[in-house]
Amino acid sequence: MSRSDQNFENHGKVVPAYHYWMGPMLMLPTLYFFVYGVVIDFSFAGLVSFVFSVGVVFAAFFARVFALGVQDRVIRLEERMRMERLLPEDLKHRIPEVTTEQMIALRFASDEELTGLVFTALSEGISDRKTLKQAIKNWRADNQRI
């Protein structure tokens, strides 16, 4: 997708191998180990297999959560630097008031409309990502998000 093709409707990224395959591939064995190895034909080995498979599910879940957390921190740093460069002096002192949620949404705003959107977000207390993204007129694509 080129930079100009991204917009509010299509900016979400879905990786089919992760979002559609990995979940069932991890959950089905976990369900099997629980039903067969713990409930129907209890054995210590079945219990260990179930506990291990639950651990694998948790590891996969938290790997994704932690990766998104790191990306959010990077976005926050990038947007703080961008705001320092673009905002007028009367708004620069309010940069610490901009929440991570607001920065994640405002990263899609063009340089020209960033000042107005930051002012609106802070003065009206808009912190919902979706609301801020919908207010953006000139979309600035983020093709690096994983």
Foldseek 3Di string as FASTA:
>chain_A
DDQQPDALVPQDDDDCCLPPPPVCVLVVQLVVLCCVDPPPPDDPVSVVSNVVSVVVVVVSVVVVVVVVVVVLVVLLVVQLVLCVVQEDPVCNVCSVVQDSQNSVLLVQADSVCSRVLVVCCVVVVDRHSSVSRVPHDRTGHDPPDD
